[in-house]
Structures are given as structure tokens and as C-alpha cells.
Amino acid sequence: MAVRVPMQVILALGLLGPAGIACAQVYHCTAASGAASYQDTPCPPGRRQQVVNLPARGADTPSSPAAATSSPSPAAGASAAAVMPPAVVPPLPTMYACRNYDTGERYLSDNLPPPHQVPLGALGYPGQSLSRAYGANGVGVSAPELARKPVLNPDGPLIANAMVAVQDPCVPATPAQVCDELQRRFDANHRKLRMAMPREGAPYEQREQQLQAQMRGC
């Protein structure tokens, strides 16, 4: 028959410390005189013993689950620049390294130059020196009209008047050449800016900012 354990007994067992906490049984002891007592050890000889089972209480059971470990949140005053992606460097502008067809002078151009007209003689036609083309008697004469003018053919125009279209040869410029050219343009514009009147400096300031932006890739 189940025995009802008084609340006072349960509270008393709770004060027994770890032994009482870990205990899952209570002994109900009845003396010959009828006096009853409860204890956590077996009854002494001469007393009637009855075992009362109590729900076990784990002494090591945590009262609450462990707090989950979380990464620290960033400081409220963290700088926005710390999380900003790095600035993208713009590519260098496209330029072309060209050679002047007439003079052989080299230069850099933002675009492929269009064809231009040159005298036919610049191409080496008719393949002889001026002395031979104009004749020995005509060279050095003070009156040009006395000199014999060479012609393409007996009935054709003068060689000096014949023109032909030519194209300056160009190749894509290297990054080093582009940077050198941008620096040259920047220096030339900066000199003009320093010498310009205050009311005339706006275009040069705008050009300087444009060149500085292009030179970021150098």
C-alpha cells in the first residue's frame, strides 16, 4: 500500500544536502509503541520498516541550458569606412603611339588620326634628287620661273602640285607611355592654370581634375 509522505518530510530531506538530493527512497519506521518516523537510512532493528519511493532529483542537472556562444556585435560607433569595399581604380584611357608620316616625329593620340594629304614628292617620286629633277641650271636661280619644273608626264601637272593621301602608322600605346603622356598634359595644363586670371581658371581647373582622375590608374 502506498504511503503518503508529508510535505514537512520532503522539505526536511531537501535540507540533508547532496545525499538527500540524490536519495530516491525514504524509510518509514514504526516503533512498537506506534510512533512513526521517516529517515533516509534503513530502520533500526525492532521497528517495522516500509520503503517509500520518491522521484529522483539529479544533483548535476543544470537549471537552465547553457547560453549559446555568440560572436560579439560590432561596436555601435564603428566607422562605416571599415566595411566599405576598396575603391575601384578606373582603367587607363586608350591611346595610340603614332609616327608622323612626313617628318617621322613620334606622338601619342587619343584616337587613330585620319589620313592626310602630302606632296607626291614626299613619297620619293620621281626617285631622283632635286638637282636632277629641276636641272643643274635651275637650282639656285633667283627667278623661280626660269627653273625647269618637273612634271608627272609631258602633259600632266607639276610634281609639286601632285598630292596623295597617307596614313600615320600607329600601334596601341603601352601603360607606361599613357602615364607619361597624362603627366605631360597635366604639367602643361597646371602651368596654364597658375598663369590664368581668376575668372579664366575654371576650364583649367576642370581639366586638371579630369587628368587627376585618369592618372589614378598609373
N, C-alpha and C. Protein backbone atom coordinates (compact mmCIF):
# COMPACT_ATOMS: atom_id res chain seq x y z
N MET A 1 0.85 -1.19 0.00
CA MET A 1 0.00 0.00 0.00
C MET A 1 0.89 1.24 0.00
N ALA A 2 0.58 2.19 -0.88
CA ALA A 2 1.38 3.40 -0.96
C ALA A 2 1.19 4.26 0.26
N VAL A 3 2.27 4.86 0.68
CA VAL A 3 2.26 5.72 1.87
C VAL A 3 2.40 7.15 1.42
N ARG A 4 1.56 8.03 1.88
CA ARG A 4 1.63 9.46 1.55
C ARG A 4 2.67 10.11 2.45
N VAL A 5 3.67 10.73 1.83
CA VAL A 5 4.75 11.36 2.58
C VAL A 5 4.36 12.80 2.85
N PRO A 6 4.39 13.23 4.11
CA PRO A 6 4.04 14.62 4.43
C PRO A 6 5.04 15.58 3.81
N MET A 7 4.56 16.81 3.50
CA MET A 7 5.40 17.84 2.90
C MET A 7 6.55 18.19 3.82
N GLN A 8 6.36 18.19 5.12
CA GLN A 8 7.42 18.52 6.05
C GLN A 8 8.58 17.56 5.92
N VAL A 9 8.25 16.27 5.64
CA VAL A 9 9.31 15.28 5.48
C VAL A 9 10.12 15.54 4.22
N ILE A 10 9.40 15.88 3.14
CA ILE A 10 10.10 16.15 1.89
C ILE A 10 11.02 17.35 2.04
N LEU A 11 10.54 18.43 2.70
CA LEU A 11 11.37 19.60 2.90
C LEU A 11 12.56 19.29 3.78
N ALA A 12 12.34 18.44 4.77
CA ALA A 12 13.45 18.07 5.66
C ALA A 12 14.51 17.31 4.90
N LEU A 13 14.06 16.41 3.99
CA LEU A 13 15.03 15.67 3.21
C LEU A 13 15.79 16.58 2.26
N GLY A 14 15.16 17.67 1.82
CA GLY A 14 15.84 18.62 0.96
C GLY A 14 16.96 19.33 1.66
N LEU A 15 16.92 19.40 2.99
CA LEU A 15 17.97 20.06 3.76
C LEU A 15 19.11 19.13 4.09
N LEU A 16 19.03 17.88 3.66
CA LEU A 16 20.08 16.93 4.00
C LEU A 16 21.31 17.09 3.15
N GLY A 17 21.27 17.99 2.22
CA GLY A 17 22.45 18.22 1.38
C GLY A 17 22.45 17.30 0.18
N PRO A 18 23.63 17.10 -0.38
CA PRO A 18 23.75 16.29 -1.59
C PRO A 18 23.21 14.88 -1.41
N ALA A 19 23.39 14.31 -0.22
CA ALA A 19 22.90 12.96 0.00
C ALA A 19 21.39 12.92 -0.13
N GLY A 20 20.71 13.93 0.46
CA GLY A 20 19.27 13.97 0.38
C GLY A 20 18.78 14.25 -1.01
N ILE A 21 19.51 15.05 -1.73
CA ILE A 21 19.10 15.40 -3.09
C ILE A 21 19.19 14.18 -3.98
N ALA A 22 20.28 13.39 -3.79
CA ALA A 22 20.47 12.24 -4.64
C ALA A 22 19.60 11.05 -4.20
N CYS A 23 19.01 11.06 -3.00
CA CYS A 23 18.24 9.93 -2.48
C CYS A 23 16.92 9.80 -3.21
N ALA A 24 16.59 8.55 -3.58
CA ALA A 24 15.33 8.27 -4.26
C ALA A 24 14.39 7.44 -3.39
N GLN A 25 14.80 7.10 -2.12
CA GLN A 25 13.96 6.28 -1.22
C GLN A 25 13.92 6.88 0.18
N VAL A 26 12.79 6.73 0.81
CA VAL A 26 12.60 7.15 2.20
C VAL A 26 12.07 5.95 2.99
N TYR A 27 12.64 5.81 4.17
CA TYR A 27 12.23 4.67 5.02
C TYR A 27 11.24 5.15 6.08
N HIS A 28 10.07 4.48 6.10
CA HIS A 28 9.04 4.79 7.12
C HIS A 28 9.15 3.75 8.24
N CYS A 29 9.59 4.22 9.40
CA CYS A 29 9.85 3.31 10.53
C CYS A 29 8.75 3.48 11.59
N THR A 30 8.22 2.32 12.07
CA THR A 30 7.16 2.34 13.09
C THR A 30 7.64 1.55 14.31
N ALA A 31 7.69 2.26 15.46
CA ALA A 31 8.12 1.60 16.70
C ALA A 31 6.98 0.76 17.27
N ALA A 32 7.31 -0.06 18.31
CA ALA A 32 6.29 -0.91 18.96
C ALA A 32 5.20 -0.10 19.62
N SER A 33 5.56 1.13 20.02
CA SER A 33 4.58 2.00 20.66
C SER A 33 3.66 2.67 19.65
N GLY A 34 3.95 2.48 18.36
CA GLY A 34 3.15 3.11 17.31
C GLY A 34 3.74 4.41 16.80
N ALA A 35 4.81 4.91 17.38
CA ALA A 35 5.42 6.15 16.91
C ALA A 35 6.09 5.90 15.55
N ALA A 36 5.88 6.81 14.60
CA ALA A 36 6.41 6.66 13.25
C ALA A 36 7.43 7.77 12.97
N SER A 37 8.37 7.40 12.17
CA SER A 37 9.38 8.38 11.77
C SER A 37 9.83 8.06 10.33
N TYR A 38 10.40 9.08 9.70
CA TYR A 38 10.91 8.93 8.33
C TYR A 38 12.40 9.22 8.36
N GLN A 39 13.15 8.41 7.62
CA GLN A 39 14.58 8.63 7.54
C GLN A 39 15.09 8.11 6.20
N ASP A 40 16.34 8.55 5.87
CA ASP A 40 16.89 8.13 4.58
C ASP A 40 17.78 6.91 4.70
N THR A 41 17.85 6.27 5.86
CA THR A 41 18.60 5.02 6.07
C THR A 41 17.60 3.96 6.58
N PRO A 42 17.96 2.69 6.40
CA PRO A 42 17.05 1.64 6.87
C PRO A 42 16.72 1.76 8.38
N CYS A 43 15.54 1.28 8.70
CA CYS A 43 15.08 1.38 10.09
C CYS A 43 15.93 0.49 11.00
N PRO A 44 16.12 0.88 12.26
CA PRO A 44 16.88 0.05 13.20
C PRO A 44 16.10 -1.21 13.55
N PRO A 45 16.81 -2.22 14.08
CA PRO A 45 16.13 -3.47 14.45
C PRO A 45 15.02 -3.21 15.47
N GLY A 46 13.95 -3.97 15.36
CA GLY A 46 12.83 -3.84 16.29
C GLY A 46 11.76 -2.90 15.80
N ARG A 47 11.97 -2.24 14.67
CA ARG A 47 10.96 -1.33 14.13
C ARG A 47 10.50 -1.86 12.76
N ARG A 48 9.22 -1.64 12.55
CA ARG A 48 8.66 -2.06 11.27
C ARG A 48 9.04 -1.04 10.21
N GLN A 49 9.53 -1.55 9.10
CA GLN A 49 10.07 -0.68 8.05
C GLN A 49 9.21 -0.75 6.79
N GLN A 50 9.00 0.37 6.22
CA GLN A 50 8.29 0.45 4.94
C GLN A 50 9.04 1.45 4.05
N VAL A 51 9.34 1.05 2.84
CA VAL A 51 10.10 1.87 1.90
C VAL A 51 9.14 2.71 1.05
N VAL A 52 9.41 3.98 1.01
CA VAL A 52 8.62 4.92 0.20
C VAL A 52 9.52 5.44 -0.94
N ASN A 53 9.13 5.22 -2.19
CA ASN A 53 9.90 5.68 -3.35
C ASN A 53 9.52 7.13 -3.70
N LEU A 54 10.55 7.95 -3.79
CA LEU A 54 10.36 9.35 -4.18
C LEU A 54 10.98 9.59 -5.56
N PRO A 55 10.48 10.56 -6.33
CA PRO A 55 11.11 10.88 -7.64
C PRO A 55 12.55 11.32 -7.44
N ALA A 56 13.42 10.71 -8.22
CA ALA A 56 14.85 11.06 -8.11
C ALA A 56 15.08 12.47 -8.62
N ARG A 57 15.97 13.22 -7.97
CA ARG A 57 16.35 14.57 -8.34
C ARG A 57 17.84 14.58 -8.68
N GLY A 58 18.14 14.81 -9.91
CA GLY A 58 19.56 14.81 -10.30
C GLY A 58 20.26 16.04 -9.77
N ALA A 59 21.33 15.77 -8.97
CA ALA A 59 22.06 16.90 -8.39
C ALA A 59 22.82 17.68 -9.45
N ASP A 60 23.18 17.02 -10.59
CA ASP A 60 24.02 17.68 -11.58
C ASP A 60 23.23 18.23 -12.76
N THR A 61 21.88 18.16 -12.66
CA THR A 61 21.07 18.66 -13.77
C THR A 61 21.13 20.17 -13.81
N PRO A 62 21.52 20.74 -14.91
CA PRO A 62 21.60 22.20 -14.94
C PRO A 62 20.22 22.82 -14.89
N SER A 63 20.12 23.93 -14.19
CA SER A 63 18.84 24.61 -14.04
C SER A 63 18.39 25.27 -15.33
N SER A 64 19.31 25.59 -16.17
CA SER A 64 18.95 26.22 -17.43
C SER A 64 20.00 25.86 -18.46
N PRO A 65 19.60 25.76 -19.71
CA PRO A 65 20.59 25.41 -20.75
C PRO A 65 21.67 26.47 -20.85
N ALA A 66 22.85 25.99 -21.23
CA ALA A 66 23.98 26.93 -21.36
C ALA A 66 23.66 27.95 -22.45
N ALA A 67 24.05 29.14 -22.14
CA ALA A 67 23.80 30.21 -23.11
C ALA A 67 24.64 29.96 -24.36
N ALA A 68 24.01 30.11 -25.48
CA ALA A 68 24.72 29.90 -26.75
C ALA A 68 25.79 30.97 -26.93
N THR A 69 26.92 30.49 -27.38
CA THR A 69 28.02 31.42 -27.61
C THR A 69 27.76 32.20 -28.89
N SER A 70 27.82 33.48 -28.79
CA SER A 70 27.57 34.33 -29.95
C SER A 70 28.76 35.23 -30.17
N SER A 71 28.99 35.54 -31.41
CA SER A 71 30.10 36.44 -31.73
C SER A 71 29.75 37.85 -31.31
N PRO A 72 30.72 38.56 -30.82
CA PRO A 72 30.45 39.93 -30.37
C PRO A 72 29.99 40.78 -31.53
N SER A 73 29.00 41.60 -31.25
CA SER A 73 28.50 42.50 -32.27
C SER A 73 29.46 43.66 -32.45
N PRO A 74 29.52 44.19 -33.64
CA PRO A 74 30.43 45.33 -33.86
C PRO A 74 30.03 46.52 -33.02
N ALA A 75 31.03 47.30 -32.66
CA ALA A 75 30.76 48.47 -31.84
C ALA A 75 29.83 49.42 -32.57
N ALA A 76 28.99 50.06 -31.77
CA ALA A 76 28.00 50.95 -32.38
C ALA A 76 28.66 52.10 -33.11
N GLY A 77 29.82 52.50 -32.62
CA GLY A 77 30.49 53.64 -33.25
C GLY A 77 31.52 53.25 -34.29
N ALA A 78 31.44 51.99 -34.80
CA ALA A 78 32.42 51.56 -35.79
C ALA A 78 32.31 52.41 -37.03
N SER A 79 33.44 52.70 -37.62
CA SER A 79 33.45 53.56 -38.80
C SER A 79 32.87 52.83 -39.99
N ALA A 80 32.07 53.52 -40.76
CA ALA A 80 31.48 52.92 -41.95
C ALA A 80 32.55 52.60 -42.98
N ALA A 81 33.67 53.32 -42.95
CA ALA A 81 34.73 53.08 -43.92
C ALA A 81 35.37 51.71 -43.74
N ALA A 82 35.27 51.13 -42.50
CA ALA A 82 35.90 49.86 -42.24
C ALA A 82 35.21 48.73 -42.99
N VAL A 83 33.94 48.89 -43.31
CA VAL A 83 33.20 47.85 -44.01
C VAL A 83 32.95 48.22 -45.46
N MET A 84 33.47 49.35 -45.92
CA MET A 84 33.29 49.76 -47.30
C MET A 84 34.23 48.98 -48.20
N PRO A 85 33.79 48.56 -49.39
CA PRO A 85 34.71 47.87 -50.31
C PRO A 85 35.77 48.83 -50.81
N PRO A 86 36.94 48.32 -51.18
CA PRO A 86 38.00 49.20 -51.69
C PRO A 86 37.56 49.93 -52.96
N ALA A 87 38.07 51.13 -53.09
CA ALA A 87 37.71 51.94 -54.26
C ALA A 87 38.24 51.28 -55.53
N VAL A 88 37.41 51.31 -56.57
CA VAL A 88 37.78 50.72 -57.85
C VAL A 88 38.62 51.72 -58.63
N VAL A 89 39.80 51.28 -59.05
CA VAL A 89 40.69 52.15 -59.82
C VAL A 89 40.24 52.12 -61.28
N PRO A 90 39.93 53.26 -61.88
CA PRO A 90 39.46 53.26 -63.27
C PRO A 90 40.59 52.84 -64.20
N PRO A 91 40.25 52.20 -65.33
CA PRO A 91 41.30 51.82 -66.29
C PRO A 91 41.88 53.04 -66.98
N LEU A 92 43.10 52.86 -67.47
CA LEU A 92 43.75 53.95 -68.18
C LEU A 92 43.02 54.22 -69.50
N PRO A 93 43.00 55.47 -69.95
CA PRO A 93 42.38 55.75 -71.25
C PRO A 93 43.18 55.10 -72.38
N THR A 94 42.49 54.79 -73.46
CA THR A 94 43.13 54.20 -74.63
C THR A 94 43.84 55.28 -75.45
N MET A 95 45.10 55.03 -75.76
CA MET A 95 45.87 55.94 -76.59
C MET A 95 46.63 55.13 -77.64
N TYR A 96 47.10 55.85 -78.65
CA TYR A 96 47.84 55.23 -79.75
C TYR A 96 49.18 55.94 -79.92
N ALA A 97 50.23 55.12 -80.05
CA ALA A 97 51.57 55.65 -80.33
C ALA A 97 51.74 55.69 -81.85
N CYS A 98 51.88 56.89 -82.37
CA CYS A 98 51.91 57.10 -83.83
C CYS A 98 53.23 57.74 -84.26
N ARG A 99 53.48 57.63 -85.55
CA ARG A 99 54.65 58.28 -86.15
C ARG A 99 54.18 59.12 -87.33
N ASN A 100 54.56 60.39 -87.34
CA ASN A 100 54.17 61.28 -88.43
C ASN A 100 54.79 60.80 -89.74
N TYR A 101 53.93 60.65 -90.73
CA TYR A 101 54.40 60.11 -91.99
C TYR A 101 55.39 61.04 -92.68
N ASP A 102 55.18 62.36 -92.51
CA ASP A 102 56.03 63.32 -93.22
C ASP A 102 57.38 63.48 -92.54
N THR A 103 57.37 63.71 -91.23
CA THR A 103 58.59 64.09 -90.52
C THR A 103 59.22 62.95 -89.73
N GLY A 104 58.47 61.86 -89.51
CA GLY A 104 58.98 60.78 -88.68
C GLY A 104 58.86 61.05 -87.20
N GLU A 105 58.28 62.19 -86.80
CA GLU A 105 58.13 62.53 -85.38
C GLU A 105 57.10 61.61 -84.74
N ARG A 106 57.40 61.14 -83.54
CA ARG A 106 56.50 60.25 -82.81
C ARG A 106 55.63 61.05 -81.85
N TYR A 107 54.40 60.61 -81.69
CA TYR A 107 53.45 61.30 -80.81
C TYR A 107 52.40 60.31 -80.33
N LEU A 108 51.65 60.70 -79.29
CA LEU A 108 50.55 59.90 -78.76
C LEU A 108 49.24 60.60 -79.08
N SER A 109 48.26 59.81 -79.47
CA SER A 109 46.97 60.36 -79.85
C SER A 109 45.86 59.60 -79.14
N ASP A 110 44.79 60.33 -78.79
CA ASP A 110 43.63 59.68 -78.16
C ASP A 110 42.84 58.84 -79.15
N ASN A 111 42.95 59.16 -80.43
CA ASN A 111 42.24 58.44 -81.48
C ASN A 111 43.19 58.17 -82.64
N LEU A 112 42.79 57.23 -83.47
CA LEU A 112 43.58 56.98 -84.67
C LEU A 112 43.44 58.19 -85.59
N PRO A 113 44.55 58.82 -85.97
CA PRO A 113 44.47 60.02 -86.81
C PRO A 113 43.93 59.68 -88.20
N PRO A 114 43.18 60.59 -88.81
CA PRO A 114 42.67 60.34 -90.16
C PRO A 114 43.78 60.50 -91.19
N PRO A 115 43.59 59.98 -92.39
CA PRO A 115 44.58 60.19 -93.46
C PRO A 115 44.72 61.68 -93.78
N HIS A 116 45.88 62.08 -94.25
CA HIS A 116 46.10 63.46 -94.65
C HIS A 116 46.89 63.50 -95.95
N GLN A 117 46.83 64.63 -96.61
CA GLN A 117 47.44 64.79 -97.92
C GLN A 117 48.90 65.25 -97.79
N VAL A 118 49.76 64.65 -98.57
CA VAL A 118 51.17 65.06 -98.64
C VAL A 118 51.55 65.19 -100.11
N PRO A 119 52.57 66.02 -100.43
CA PRO A 119 53.02 66.10 -101.82
C PRO A 119 53.55 64.76 -102.30
N LEU A 120 53.34 64.49 -103.55
CA LEU A 120 53.80 63.22 -104.10
C LEU A 120 55.31 63.07 -103.94
N GLY A 121 56.02 64.18 -103.95
CA GLY A 121 57.47 64.10 -103.78
C GLY A 121 57.87 63.57 -102.42
N ALA A 122 56.99 63.70 -101.40
CA ALA A 122 57.33 63.18 -100.07
C ALA A 122 57.43 61.67 -100.07
N LEU A 123 56.85 61.02 -101.08
CA LEU A 123 56.93 59.56 -101.18
C LEU A 123 58.15 59.11 -101.98
N GLY A 124 58.99 60.07 -102.38
CA GLY A 124 60.20 59.71 -103.12
C GLY A 124 60.03 59.72 -104.62
N TYR A 125 58.90 60.19 -105.09
CA TYR A 125 58.70 60.26 -106.54
C TYR A 125 59.32 61.56 -107.08
N PRO A 126 59.98 61.60 -108.18
CA PRO A 126 60.19 60.51 -109.15
C PRO A 126 61.44 59.69 -108.89
N GLY A 127 61.94 59.66 -107.64
CA GLY A 127 63.08 58.81 -107.34
C GLY A 127 64.41 59.42 -107.72
N GLN A 128 64.51 60.73 -107.73
CA GLN A 128 65.77 61.40 -108.04
C GLN A 128 65.90 62.66 -107.20
N SER A 129 67.11 63.20 -107.11
CA SER A 129 67.36 64.38 -106.29
C SER A 129 66.73 65.61 -106.92
N LEU A 130 66.61 66.67 -106.09
CA LEU A 130 66.08 67.93 -106.61
C LEU A 130 66.97 68.48 -107.72
N SER A 131 68.28 68.27 -107.57
CA SER A 131 69.20 68.77 -108.58
C SER A 131 68.92 68.12 -109.92
N ARG A 132 68.65 66.84 -109.90
CA ARG A 132 68.39 66.14 -111.16
C ARG A 132 66.98 66.44 -111.66
N ALA A 133 66.03 66.60 -110.71
CA ALA A 133 64.65 66.84 -111.12
C ALA A 133 64.49 68.21 -111.74
N TYR A 134 65.17 69.23 -111.17
CA TYR A 134 65.00 70.59 -111.68
C TYR A 134 66.08 70.98 -112.68
N GLY A 135 67.08 70.20 -112.75
CA GLY A 135 68.14 70.52 -113.70
C GLY A 135 69.22 71.36 -113.04
N ALA A 136 70.43 71.13 -113.45
CA ALA A 136 71.56 71.82 -112.83
C ALA A 136 71.48 73.32 -113.04
N ASN A 137 70.95 73.75 -114.17
CA ASN A 137 70.89 75.18 -114.44
C ASN A 137 69.79 75.89 -113.65
N GLY A 138 68.81 75.14 -113.14
CA GLY A 138 67.69 75.79 -112.47
C GLY A 138 67.89 75.95 -110.98
N VAL A 139 68.79 75.16 -110.40
CA VAL A 139 68.99 75.23 -108.96
C VAL A 139 69.74 76.50 -108.61
N GLY A 140 69.21 77.26 -107.66
CA GLY A 140 69.87 78.46 -107.21
C GLY A 140 69.52 79.69 -108.00
N VAL A 141 68.70 79.55 -109.04
CA VAL A 141 68.30 80.71 -109.83
C VAL A 141 67.36 81.57 -109.00
N SER A 142 67.58 82.88 -109.00
CA SER A 142 66.76 83.76 -108.18
C SER A 142 65.36 83.90 -108.72
N ALA A 143 65.17 83.69 -109.98
CA ALA A 143 63.84 83.78 -110.57
C ALA A 143 63.30 82.36 -110.73
N PRO A 144 62.39 81.93 -109.85
CA PRO A 144 61.92 80.54 -109.91
C PRO A 144 61.30 80.19 -111.24
N GLU A 145 60.73 81.18 -111.92
CA GLU A 145 60.07 80.85 -113.18
C GLU A 145 61.05 80.41 -114.26
N LEU A 146 62.37 80.69 -114.04
CA LEU A 146 63.35 80.27 -115.02
C LEU A 146 63.70 78.79 -114.88
N ALA A 147 63.40 78.22 -113.70
CA ALA A 147 63.76 76.84 -113.47
C ALA A 147 62.81 75.92 -114.23
N ARG A 148 63.34 74.81 -114.69
CA ARG A 148 62.52 73.83 -115.38
C ARG A 148 61.73 73.03 -114.35
N LYS A 149 60.41 73.09 -114.44
CA LYS A 149 59.56 72.44 -113.46
C LYS A 149 59.33 70.98 -113.86
N PRO A 150 59.65 70.01 -112.96
CA PRO A 150 59.40 68.60 -113.32
C PRO A 150 57.89 68.31 -113.33
N VAL A 151 57.49 67.45 -114.23
CA VAL A 151 56.08 67.08 -114.37
C VAL A 151 55.95 65.57 -114.28
N LEU A 152 54.73 65.09 -114.00
CA LEU A 152 54.49 63.65 -113.92
C LEU A 152 54.59 63.03 -115.32
N ASN A 153 54.08 63.73 -116.27
CA ASN A 153 54.20 63.31 -117.66
C ASN A 153 54.21 64.59 -118.50
N PRO A 154 54.56 64.50 -119.75
CA PRO A 154 54.69 65.74 -120.55
C PRO A 154 53.44 66.61 -120.54
N ASP A 155 52.27 66.02 -120.43
CA ASP A 155 51.03 66.80 -120.45
C ASP A 155 50.36 66.89 -119.07
N GLY A 156 51.03 66.36 -118.02
CA GLY A 156 50.39 66.30 -116.70
C GLY A 156 50.78 67.46 -115.81
N PRO A 157 50.29 67.42 -114.54
CA PRO A 157 50.57 68.51 -113.59
C PRO A 157 52.00 68.45 -113.08
N LEU A 158 52.42 69.54 -112.45
CA LEU A 158 53.73 69.57 -111.83
C LEU A 158 53.78 68.58 -110.67
N ILE A 159 54.98 68.02 -110.46
CA ILE A 159 55.14 67.10 -109.33
C ILE A 159 54.84 67.81 -108.02
N ALA A 160 55.23 69.08 -107.88
CA ALA A 160 55.00 69.82 -106.64
C ALA A 160 53.52 70.01 -106.36
N ASN A 161 52.69 69.95 -107.39
CA ASN A 161 51.26 70.14 -107.21
C ASN A 161 50.51 68.83 -106.98
N ALA A 162 51.17 67.70 -107.19
CA ALA A 162 50.50 66.40 -107.03
C ALA A 162 50.47 66.03 -105.55
N MET A 163 49.30 65.65 -105.05
CA MET A 163 49.12 65.28 -103.64
C MET A 163 48.61 63.84 -103.56
N VAL A 164 48.92 63.20 -102.45
CA VAL A 164 48.46 61.83 -102.23
C VAL A 164 48.12 61.69 -100.75
N ALA A 165 47.09 60.85 -100.44
CA ALA A 165 46.65 60.63 -99.05
C ALA A 165 47.53 59.56 -98.41
N VAL A 166 47.99 59.85 -97.21
CA VAL A 166 48.80 58.89 -96.44
C VAL A 166 48.21 58.77 -95.03
N GLN A 167 48.57 57.69 -94.36
CA GLN A 167 48.08 57.42 -93.00
C GLN A 167 49.27 57.26 -92.08
N ASP A 168 49.28 58.01 -90.95
CA ASP A 168 50.34 57.84 -89.96
C ASP A 168 50.25 56.44 -89.35
N PRO A 169 51.33 55.67 -89.35
CA PRO A 169 51.29 54.34 -88.72
C PRO A 169 51.15 54.48 -87.19
N CYS A 170 50.27 53.69 -86.60
CA CYS A 170 50.00 53.75 -85.16
C CYS A 170 49.87 52.35 -84.59
N VAL A 171 50.20 52.22 -83.31
CA VAL A 171 50.00 50.98 -82.54
C VAL A 171 49.44 51.38 -81.18
N PRO A 172 48.73 50.47 -80.48
CA PRO A 172 48.24 50.80 -79.14
C PRO A 172 49.39 51.16 -78.20
N ALA A 173 49.24 52.23 -77.46
CA ALA A 173 50.28 52.68 -76.54
C ALA A 173 50.33 51.78 -75.31
N THR A 174 51.52 51.63 -74.74
CA THR A 174 51.70 50.84 -73.52
C THR A 174 51.23 51.66 -72.31
N PRO A 175 50.92 51.00 -71.18
CA PRO A 175 50.53 51.76 -69.97
C PRO A 175 51.56 52.80 -69.57
N ALA A 176 52.85 52.48 -69.69
CA ALA A 176 53.90 53.45 -69.33
C ALA A 176 53.83 54.67 -70.23
N GLN A 177 53.61 54.46 -71.52
CA GLN A 177 53.51 55.60 -72.45
C GLN A 177 52.28 56.45 -72.13
N VAL A 178 51.17 55.79 -71.79
CA VAL A 178 49.95 56.54 -71.46
C VAL A 178 50.17 57.38 -70.20
N CYS A 179 50.80 56.81 -69.19
CA CYS A 179 51.03 57.55 -67.95
C CYS A 179 51.97 58.74 -68.18
N ASP A 180 52.99 58.53 -68.99
CA ASP A 180 53.91 59.64 -69.30
C ASP A 180 53.17 60.77 -70.03
N GLU A 181 52.30 60.40 -70.96
CA GLU A 181 51.57 61.41 -71.71
C GLU A 181 50.58 62.16 -70.81
N LEU A 182 49.91 61.43 -69.91
CA LEU A 182 48.99 62.08 -68.98
C LEU A 182 49.74 63.06 -68.07
N GLN A 183 50.93 62.66 -67.61
CA GLN A 183 51.72 63.55 -66.77
C GLN A 183 52.15 64.79 -67.54
N ARG A 184 52.53 64.61 -68.80
CA ARG A 184 52.93 65.75 -69.63
C ARG A 184 51.76 66.72 -69.82
N ARG A 185 50.57 66.16 -70.07
CA ARG A 185 49.40 67.01 -70.25
C ARG A 185 49.02 67.72 -68.95
N PHE A 186 49.18 67.00 -67.82
CA PHE A 186 48.86 67.60 -66.53
C PHE A 186 49.80 68.77 -66.23
N ASP A 187 51.09 68.58 -66.46
CA ASP A 187 52.05 69.65 -66.19
C ASP A 187 51.78 70.87 -67.06
N ALA A 188 51.48 70.63 -68.34
CA ALA A 188 51.21 71.75 -69.25
C ALA A 188 49.95 72.50 -68.83
N ASN A 189 48.91 71.76 -68.44
CA ASN A 189 47.66 72.41 -68.01
C ASN A 189 47.85 73.15 -66.70
N HIS A 190 48.66 72.58 -65.78
CA HIS A 190 48.87 73.22 -64.49
C HIS A 190 49.62 74.55 -64.64
N ARG A 191 50.56 74.59 -65.58
CA ARG A 191 51.25 75.85 -65.83
C ARG A 191 50.28 76.92 -66.34
N LYS A 192 49.37 76.53 -67.20
CA LYS A 192 48.38 77.48 -67.70
C LYS A 192 47.43 77.92 -66.58
N LEU A 193 47.10 76.99 -65.66
CA LEU A 193 46.22 77.34 -64.55
C LEU A 193 46.87 78.36 -63.63
N ARG A 194 48.16 78.20 -63.36
CA ARG A 194 48.87 79.13 -62.48
C ARG A 194 48.98 80.52 -63.10
N MET A 195 49.04 80.59 -64.41
CA MET A 195 49.21 81.87 -65.09
C MET A 195 47.87 82.51 -65.46
N ALA A 196 46.78 81.78 -65.34
CA ALA A 196 45.48 82.31 -65.76
C ALA A 196 44.93 83.28 -64.72
N MET A 197 44.14 84.22 -65.19
CA MET A 197 43.42 85.12 -64.30
C MET A 197 42.33 84.35 -63.57
N PRO A 198 41.93 84.84 -62.37
CA PRO A 198 40.91 84.11 -61.61
C PRO A 198 39.65 83.80 -62.40
N ARG A 199 39.19 84.73 -63.21
CA ARG A 199 37.97 84.49 -63.98
C ARG A 199 38.17 83.56 -65.17
N GLU A 200 39.44 83.24 -65.46
CA GLU A 200 39.75 82.38 -66.60
C GLU A 200 40.19 80.98 -66.16
N GLY A 201 40.25 80.72 -64.88
CA GLY A 201 40.83 79.47 -64.40
C GLY A 201 39.90 78.28 -64.36
N ALA A 202 38.58 78.50 -64.48
CA ALA A 202 37.62 77.39 -64.34
C ALA A 202 37.88 76.25 -65.34
N PRO A 203 38.08 76.53 -66.63
CA PRO A 203 38.32 75.41 -67.56
C PRO A 203 39.59 74.62 -67.23
N TYR A 204 40.63 75.34 -66.78
CA TYR A 204 41.87 74.64 -66.44
C TYR A 204 41.70 73.81 -65.17
N GLU A 205 40.93 74.30 -64.21
CA GLU A 205 40.68 73.51 -63.01
C GLU A 205 39.89 72.24 -63.35
N GLN A 206 38.91 72.37 -64.22
CA GLN A 206 38.13 71.20 -64.63
C GLN A 206 39.01 70.19 -65.36
N ARG A 207 39.89 70.68 -66.22
CA ARG A 207 40.79 69.80 -66.94
C ARG A 207 41.78 69.12 -66.00
N GLU A 208 42.24 69.83 -64.99
CA GLU A 208 43.16 69.25 -64.02
C GLU A 208 42.50 68.11 -63.24
N GLN A 209 41.25 68.29 -62.84
CA GLN A 209 40.53 67.24 -62.13
C GLN A 209 40.33 66.03 -63.03
N GLN A 210 40.04 66.26 -64.30
CA GLN A 210 39.87 65.16 -65.24
C GLN A 210 41.17 64.37 -65.40
N LEU A 211 42.29 65.08 -65.53
CA LEU A 211 43.57 64.39 -65.69
C LEU A 211 43.96 63.65 -64.42
N GLN A 212 43.68 64.22 -63.25
CA GLN A 212 43.98 63.54 -61.99
C GLN A 212 43.20 62.23 -61.89
N ALA A 213 41.93 62.24 -62.32
CA ALA A 213 41.13 61.02 -62.29
C ALA A 213 41.69 59.96 -63.23
N GLN A 214 42.16 60.39 -64.41
CA GLN A 214 42.73 59.43 -65.36
C GLN A 214 44.06 58.88 -64.86
N MET A 215 44.81 59.67 -64.09
CA MET A 215 46.13 59.23 -63.62
C MET A 215 46.05 58.33 -62.40
N ARG A 216 44.86 58.09 -61.86
CA ARG A 216 44.74 57.19 -60.71
C ARG A 216 45.16 55.78 -61.05
N GLY A 217 45.04 55.41 -62.32
CA GLY A 217 45.43 54.06 -62.72
C GLY A 217 46.91 53.89 -62.98
N CYS A 218 47.69 54.95 -62.87
CA CYS A 218 49.14 54.86 -63.12
C CYS A 218 49.89 54.35 -61.87
